[in-house]
Protein backbone atom coordinates (compact mmCIF):
# COMPACT_ATOMS: atom_id res chain seq x y z
CA MET A 1 -1.63 -11.24 37.05
CA ASP A 2 -0.79 -12.82 33.80
CA TYR A 3 -2.76 -12.46 31.10
CA LYS A 4 -2.80 -14.30 28.28
CA PHE A 5 -5.31 -13.95 24.91
CA PRO A 6 -6.63 -16.18 22.20
CA ILE A 7 -4.66 -15.26 18.74
CA ILE A 8 -7.26 -15.68 15.21
CA LYS A 9 -4.87 -14.95 12.66
CA THR A 10 -6.56 -13.66 9.29
CA GLU A 11 -6.16 -16.07 6.68
CA THR A 12 -6.37 -12.15 4.19
CA PRO A 13 -3.65 -10.15 5.64
CA LYS A 14 -3.27 -6.97 3.77
CA ALA A 15 -0.51 -4.49 1.69
CA LYS A 16 0.72 -2.68 4.11
CA PRO A 17 1.51 1.48 2.73
CA ASP A 18 3.70 2.80 1.52
CA GLU A 19 4.86 4.98 4.91
CA THR A 20 6.38 8.34 3.32
CA LYS A 21 2.13 8.58 2.39
CA LEU A 22 0.54 7.24 5.74
CA GLY A 23 -1.74 10.54 6.40
CA PHE A 24 -3.16 9.85 9.68
CA GLY A 25 -6.02 7.46 10.26
CA LYS A 26 -6.07 6.14 6.22
CA TYR A 27 -4.98 2.85 7.38
CA TYR A 28 -5.85 -0.32 9.97
CA THR A 29 -3.53 -2.83 10.40
CA ASP A 30 -4.53 -7.45 9.90
CA HIS A 31 -6.13 -7.20 13.27
CA MET A 32 -8.02 -6.17 16.10
CA PHE A 33 -7.98 -6.89 20.00
CA PHE A 34 -12.03 -8.10 21.15
CA MET A 35 -13.07 -8.51 24.72
CA GLU A 36 -17.18 -8.78 25.76
CA TYR A 37 -18.17 -7.68 28.81
CA ASP A 38 -22.12 -8.91 30.44
CA GLU A 39 -23.64 -7.96 33.67
CA GLY A 40 -23.34 -10.47 36.21
CA LYS A 41 -20.31 -11.89 35.00
CA GLY A 42 -17.50 -9.29 34.32
CA TRP A 43 -15.32 -8.59 31.72
CA HIS A 44 -14.15 -12.42 29.97
CA ASP A 45 -13.79 -13.63 26.33
CA GLY A 46 -11.09 -11.33 25.09
CA ARG A 47 -8.60 -12.47 22.17
CA VAL A 48 -7.33 -11.13 19.45
CA MET A 49 -9.25 -11.68 16.13
CA PRO A 50 -8.71 -10.01 11.75
CA TYR A 51 -9.71 -6.20 12.40
CA GLY A 52 -13.75 -6.24 10.85
CA ASN A 53 -16.35 -4.89 10.47
CA LEU A 54 -18.88 -4.79 13.60
CA VAL A 55 -22.57 -5.87 13.67
CA LEU A 56 -24.60 -3.43 15.15
CA ASP A 57 -29.05 -2.81 15.90
CA PRO A 58 -30.53 -0.14 14.60
CA ALA A 59 -31.18 -0.06 18.23
CA ALA A 60 -27.64 -0.17 20.08
CA ALA A 61 -27.71 2.32 23.17
CA THR A 62 -24.21 3.26 22.30
CA LEU A 63 -25.82 4.89 18.78
CA HIS A 64 -28.63 6.80 20.88
CA TYR A 65 -26.34 7.59 24.41
CA ALA A 66 -23.00 7.50 23.14
CA GLN A 67 -22.15 5.72 26.54
CA MET A 68 -18.32 5.51 25.05
CA SER A 69 -15.31 6.22 26.15
CA PHE A 70 -12.07 6.11 24.05
CA GLU A 71 -7.88 5.99 24.53
CA GLY A 72 -5.07 7.45 22.33
CA LEU A 73 -2.13 5.72 22.45
CA LYS A 74 0.56 5.03 20.03
CA ALA A 75 3.99 2.73 19.40
CA TYR A 76 7.03 3.42 18.08
CA ARG A 77 9.58 1.98 16.17
CA LYS A 78 13.71 1.57 17.83
CA PRO A 79 16.87 2.12 15.67
CA ASP A 80 17.15 -1.36 16.92
CA GLY A 81 13.58 -2.38 15.30
CA ASN A 82 12.15 -3.61 18.71
CA ILE A 83 9.24 -1.70 19.55
CA ASN A 84 8.17 1.06 22.61
CA LEU A 85 4.86 2.40 24.52
CA PHE A 86 5.43 4.84 25.99
CA ARG A 87 3.10 5.44 30.00
CA PRO A 88 0.31 2.59 28.83
CA ASP A 89 -0.24 2.68 32.12
CA MET A 90 -1.45 6.42 32.43
CA ASN A 91 -3.69 5.22 29.58
CA ALA A 92 -5.25 3.09 31.73
CA LYS A 93 -5.75 5.37 34.53
CA ARG A 94 -7.29 7.53 32.51
CA MET A 95 -10.03 5.23 30.20
CA ILE A 96 -10.58 4.06 34.57
CA ASN A 97 -11.67 7.35 35.76
CA SER A 98 -13.17 8.32 31.84
CA ASN A 99 -15.61 4.90 32.65
CA ILE A 100 -16.84 6.56 35.90
CA ARG A 101 -17.35 9.50 35.03
CA LEU A 102 -20.07 7.49 31.81
CA SER A 103 -21.43 4.62 34.08
CA ILE A 104 -19.24 2.62 32.61
CA PRO A 105 -17.90 -0.44 34.14
CA THR A 106 -14.02 -0.65 34.43
CA ILE A 107 -11.70 -1.95 33.39
CA ASP A 108 -8.24 -3.65 35.36
CA GLU A 109 -4.90 -0.99 34.57
CA GLU A 110 -2.60 -4.59 33.87
CA LEU A 111 -5.41 -6.47 31.75
CA PHE A 112 -5.18 -2.29 29.58
CA VAL A 113 -1.55 -2.79 29.01
CA ALA A 114 -1.88 -6.79 28.37
CA ALA A 115 -4.35 -6.40 25.66
CA VAL A 116 -2.64 -2.88 24.15
CA LYS A 117 0.92 -5.18 24.25
CA ALA A 118 -0.56 -8.55 22.69
CA LEU A 119 -2.57 -6.80 19.91
CA VAL A 120 1.00 -4.51 18.68
CA ASP A 121 2.85 -7.83 19.50
CA VAL A 122 0.67 -9.62 16.70
CA ASP A 123 0.37 -6.49 14.62
CA LYS A 124 3.99 -5.37 14.88
CA ASP A 125 5.63 -5.71 11.60
CA TRP A 126 3.12 -1.95 11.11
CA VAL A 127 4.35 -1.27 13.29
CA PRO A 128 6.81 1.96 10.75
CA SER A 129 10.65 3.44 10.57
CA GLU A 130 10.11 6.19 9.35
CA PRO A 131 10.39 9.45 11.29
CA GLY A 132 8.09 10.87 12.28
CA THR A 133 5.99 8.03 11.73
CA SER A 134 4.22 5.13 15.25
CA LEU A 135 1.28 2.90 14.79
CA TYR A 136 -1.10 4.09 17.04
CA ILE A 137 -2.93 3.23 19.65
CA ARG A 138 -6.96 2.95 20.08
CA PRO A 139 -9.43 1.39 22.53
CA PHE A 140 -12.28 1.88 22.57
CA ILE A 141 -15.73 0.66 24.44
CA ILE A 142 -19.85 0.88 23.48
CA SER A 143 -22.58 -0.60 24.33
CA PRO A 144 -24.92 -3.15 21.70
CA GLU A 145 -27.47 -3.44 23.97
CA VAL A 146 -30.29 -3.43 22.14
CA SER A 147 -32.61 -0.56 24.45
CA MET A 148 -34.18 2.83 24.33
CA ALA A 149 -34.12 3.27 27.75
CA VAL A 150 -31.60 5.74 28.74
CA HIS A 151 -30.16 3.89 32.14
CA PRO A 152 -26.36 2.87 32.29
CA ALA A 153 -26.47 -0.21 29.69
CA SER A 154 -25.43 -4.62 30.48
CA LYS A 155 -23.73 -5.67 28.44
CA TYR A 156 -20.61 -3.61 26.90
CA TRP A 157 -17.38 -4.34 24.34
CA PHE A 158 -13.99 -3.98 25.10
CA ILE A 159 -12.40 -2.73 20.87
CA ILE A 160 -8.43 -2.41 20.31
CA ILE A 161 -7.85 -1.09 16.30
CA LEU A 162 -4.09 0.15 15.20
CA SER A 163 -3.14 2.48 12.53
CA PRO A 164 0.49 3.10 11.33
CA VAL A 165 0.46 6.91 11.19
CA ALA A 166 2.79 9.67 10.13
CA ALA A 167 2.79 13.38 12.62
CA TYR A 168 -1.17 14.01 13.17
CA TYR A 169 -0.26 18.15 11.11
CA GLU A 170 0.82 17.55 8.38
CA ALA A 171 2.51 20.33 8.02
CA ASN A 172 5.54 19.12 10.73
CA ASN A 173 5.98 15.79 9.15
CA ALA A 174 9.02 17.85 7.69
CA GLY A 175 9.61 18.61 11.73
CA LEU A 176 7.90 21.32 13.54
CA THR A 177 6.24 24.40 12.55
CA ALA A 178 3.98 27.08 14.91
CA SER A 179 0.59 26.72 14.12
CA HIS A 180 -2.05 29.51 13.93
CA ILE A 181 -4.93 30.23 16.91
CA TRP A 182 -8.30 31.60 17.05
CA VAL A 183 -9.63 31.89 20.37
CA GLU A 184 -13.44 31.18 19.82
CA GLU A 185 -15.71 32.89 22.29
CA GLU A 186 -19.38 31.63 21.34
CA TYR A 187 -19.17 27.69 21.46
CA ILE A 188 -16.69 26.05 24.93
CA ARG A 189 -16.04 22.28 25.31
CA ALA A 190 -17.02 21.19 28.59
CA ALA A 191 -18.02 22.87 32.22
CA ILE A 192 -17.83 21.78 35.45
CA GLY A 193 -19.28 18.91 36.67
CA GLY A 194 -19.04 17.46 32.84
CA THR A 195 -17.44 15.37 30.61
CA GLY A 196 -14.22 16.77 29.12
CA PHE A 197 -11.41 15.14 32.04
CA ALA A 198 -13.21 12.25 30.05
CA LYS A 199 -11.58 10.92 26.76
CA CYS A 200 -15.65 10.27 25.07
CA GLY A 201 -17.81 11.23 21.97
CA GLY A 202 -19.73 14.01 22.72
CA ASN A 203 -16.68 15.94 23.81
CA TYR A 204 -14.98 16.16 20.55
CA ALA A 205 -18.40 15.89 17.91
CA GLY A 206 -19.44 19.04 20.50
CA ALA A 207 -15.70 20.66 19.59
CA MET A 208 -16.27 20.25 15.75
CA ILE A 209 -18.15 23.86 14.49
CA ALA A 210 -15.97 25.47 16.50
CA SER A 211 -12.52 23.73 14.72
CA SER A 212 -14.02 24.03 11.47
CA ALA A 213 -15.07 28.44 12.23
CA ALA A 214 -10.77 28.54 13.53
CA GLN A 215 -9.94 27.51 10.07
CA LYS A 216 -11.84 29.19 8.30
CA GLN A 217 -10.16 32.84 10.27
CA GLY A 218 -7.33 31.09 8.30
CA CYS A 219 -5.80 28.63 11.60
CA ASP A 220 -5.03 25.92 12.33
CA GLU A 221 -6.73 25.49 15.85
CA VAL A 222 -9.41 26.21 18.48
CA LEU A 223 -8.01 28.02 22.19
CA TRP A 224 -11.18 27.13 24.15
CA LEU A 225 -12.99 29.78 26.87
CA ASP A 226 -14.27 27.81 29.94
CA ALA A 227 -17.03 28.28 30.50
CA LYS A 228 -18.48 30.05 32.71
CA GLU A 229 -16.47 33.39 31.95
CA HIS A 230 -14.93 32.63 28.97
CA LYS A 231 -12.54 34.45 30.48
CA PHE A 232 -10.23 32.01 31.64
CA VAL A 233 -7.55 29.84 28.42
CA GLU A 234 -8.08 26.54 28.52
CA GLU A 235 -7.90 23.37 25.29
CA VAL A 236 -5.82 24.13 22.54
CA GLY A 237 -8.71 21.76 20.46
CA THR A 238 -7.91 18.14 21.41
CA SER A 239 -4.93 19.58 23.05
CA ASN A 240 -4.05 20.98 26.87
CA ALA A 241 -2.46 24.46 26.69
CA PHE A 242 0.97 25.66 27.79
CA PHE A 243 2.92 29.88 27.67
CA LEU A 244 6.04 30.68 28.91
CA ILE A 245 5.01 33.91 30.57
CA GLY A 246 8.60 35.54 31.68
CA ASP A 247 10.95 32.84 32.83
CA THR A 248 7.22 29.85 33.73
CA VAL A 249 5.76 27.83 32.75
CA VAL A 250 1.99 28.08 33.06
CA THR A 251 -0.60 25.99 31.80
CA SER A 252 -4.33 25.18 33.63
CA SER A 253 -5.47 23.98 36.33
CA LEU A 254 -7.00 20.34 36.06
CA THR A 255 -10.33 21.95 37.36
CA GLY A 256 -12.25 19.48 35.93
CA SER A 257 -13.37 20.88 32.05
CA ILE A 258 -9.69 19.42 31.06
CA LEU A 259 -8.75 16.41 29.68
CA PRO A 260 -5.79 15.35 32.30
CA GLY A 261 -3.33 14.83 28.87
CA VAL A 262 0.04 12.07 29.45
CA THR A 263 1.90 14.51 27.47
CA ARG A 264 0.81 16.62 29.47
CA ASP A 265 2.48 15.02 32.19
CA SER A 266 4.55 14.19 31.20
CA CYS A 267 6.55 18.12 30.22
CA ILE A 268 5.00 19.41 33.57
CA GLN A 269 8.10 16.08 34.94
CA LEU A 270 10.90 17.25 32.57
CA LEU A 271 10.06 20.75 32.52
CA LYS A 272 10.24 20.43 36.75
CA LYS A 273 13.45 18.27 36.07
CA TRP A 274 14.92 20.87 34.54
CA GLY A 275 14.87 23.50 36.78
CA TYR A 276 11.54 25.75 34.99
CA LYS A 277 9.16 27.03 37.78
CA VAL A 278 5.60 25.97 36.40
CA ASP A 279 1.90 26.78 37.49
CA GLU A 280 -0.66 25.76 37.37
CA ARG A 281 -3.46 27.65 38.06
CA ARG A 282 -6.62 29.32 35.85
CA LEU A 283 -4.79 31.63 33.22
CA PRO A 284 -6.84 34.48 32.03
CA LEU A 285 -6.57 35.06 28.13
CA GLU A 286 -6.18 39.23 28.88
CA GLU A 287 -2.85 38.13 30.76
CA VAL A 288 -2.20 36.20 28.41
CA LEU A 289 -2.62 38.56 25.73
CA GLU A 290 -0.72 41.77 26.70
CA ALA A 291 1.76 39.56 27.95
CA ALA A 292 2.29 38.69 23.86
CA LYS A 293 1.74 42.68 23.98
CA THR A 294 4.57 43.69 26.02
CA GLY A 295 7.26 40.36 25.44
CA GLU A 296 6.49 37.89 28.96
CA LEU A 297 4.78 35.70 26.52
CA LYS A 298 8.25 33.90 25.18
CA GLU A 299 6.53 30.95 23.85
CA ALA A 300 2.87 28.90 23.73
CA TRP A 301 2.03 24.80 22.51
CA ALA A 302 -0.25 22.67 22.92
CA THR A 303 0.98 18.57 23.82
CA GLY A 304 -1.08 15.56 23.21
CA THR A 305 -0.98 12.60 21.90
CA ALA A 306 -1.49 12.29 18.54
CA CYS A 307 1.27 15.94 18.70
CA VAL A 308 3.32 15.64 21.26
CA VAL A 309 4.29 18.51 20.84
CA SER A 310 3.32 21.68 18.63
CA PRO A 311 4.28 25.63 19.05
CA ILE A 312 1.39 28.46 18.57
CA GLY A 313 3.49 31.57 16.95
CA LEU A 314 -0.15 34.34 16.96
CA LEU A 315 -3.25 33.63 18.74
CA LYS A 316 -6.08 35.26 16.58
CA TYR A 317 -8.93 37.41 19.16
CA ARG A 318 -11.76 39.32 17.59
CA GLY A 319 -9.82 40.36 14.30
CA GLU A 320 -6.05 41.43 16.06
CA GLU A 321 -3.54 38.80 16.09
CA HIS A 322 -0.86 38.20 18.54
CA THR A 323 2.68 36.50 17.37
CA ILE A 324 4.91 34.56 19.46
CA ASN A 325 8.57 33.98 19.32
CA GLY A 326 8.55 35.63 15.87
CA ASP A 327 6.18 32.99 15.08
CA LYS A 328 8.53 30.36 14.89
CA VAL A 329 8.82 27.01 16.88
CA GLY A 330 10.39 28.04 20.13
CA GLU A 331 13.91 26.30 22.13
CA LEU A 332 11.46 24.94 24.26
CA SER A 333 9.09 23.81 22.93
CA GLN A 334 11.38 22.41 20.73
CA LYS A 335 13.30 20.75 23.37
CA LEU A 336 10.66 19.22 25.09
CA TYR A 337 9.45 17.57 21.54
CA ASP A 338 13.07 16.39 21.43
CA ALA A 339 12.77 14.84 24.57
CA ILE A 340 9.49 13.18 24.85
CA TYR A 341 9.98 12.18 20.79
CA GLY A 342 13.40 10.79 21.89
CA MET A 343 12.13 8.72 24.43
CA GLN A 344 9.69 7.76 22.75
CA THR A 345 11.30 6.66 20.20
CA GLY A 346 14.16 5.35 21.75
CA ILE A 347 16.46 7.68 20.39
CA ILE A 348 17.57 8.81 23.62
CA GLU A 349 17.22 7.32 26.46
CA PRO A 350 14.33 8.00 29.01
CA GLU A 351 14.37 10.44 31.38
CA MET A 352 11.87 9.21 33.62
CA GLU A 353 12.36 5.75 35.28
CA GLY A 354 9.42 4.00 34.43
CA TRP A 355 8.13 5.92 31.24
CA VAL A 356 9.31 3.15 28.41
CA VAL A 357 7.79 -0.37 28.36
CA GLU A 358 9.61 -2.31 24.99
CA ILE A 359 7.27 -4.65 23.69
């Protein structure tokens, strides 16, 4: 279906920020996408409109029961000035699955991608061109329905906002650096049967206490273990985790408590194409630590839309520090970053058909 949306241009455009001092999530563009859902009518009246405040009743269902979903993807400025999206269909598919789990009406994949394209096209001048920068795209769904009843709402808003950003980790603005990770034993991120595979606010609010604890230990992020036994490696902060043990890349299988990351899938496909053995399975922490001691753990890294590929140089667990690859960026981590970021920004030709969508 060929979706067309009305465009209402702002009468008070903002001054654009210095591209060398963007940070992450500090600035927002002139416009947003807005679409409504009403039970019996479906999704309707999608439009691009001036960025502005939302008006919510204090009894809005979203504020009390957190029935919401969101996504995160980016637009990139190519050397020729054109703009790329990277695998937006995967974000659309993931939002569909999140909505099903959260009892929110699903959004057609083509509608999702068309809405993203329409908004980015209107605010294309906001896509930065400095190395390491991009335009972060945040689609999300909330319910403005006024109700204290604990049941799925009958009214929703689908909104997309844009933010020009630098690298998620400030140290990475000058290139990749190895991060230090704190292994969390007390708190859990998600359990099988829960919402770990969905993109919803509650997953992130509940994780902040562990991230804060990691920072107090002098680490950049937290390594989550499984909810039942606190034995198996799951995710790094808000990212998927990979470990090169011997000649095999190991990452947690999608058990239901793991977020199916778009960058995770991209790394797996590239690694297999390059001839690496990739093992998706439950990975005991003890196996990782033993491999670190013997030198079999060659590299480790985290992946996500915000960070792309973030190498791991050290794991801190029960007062002991386990160094990985001399606390330096590994060759494979760098290769993955260069390939994915290169495709995203148009520096290199896509290695996989259909991954890059030009606006």
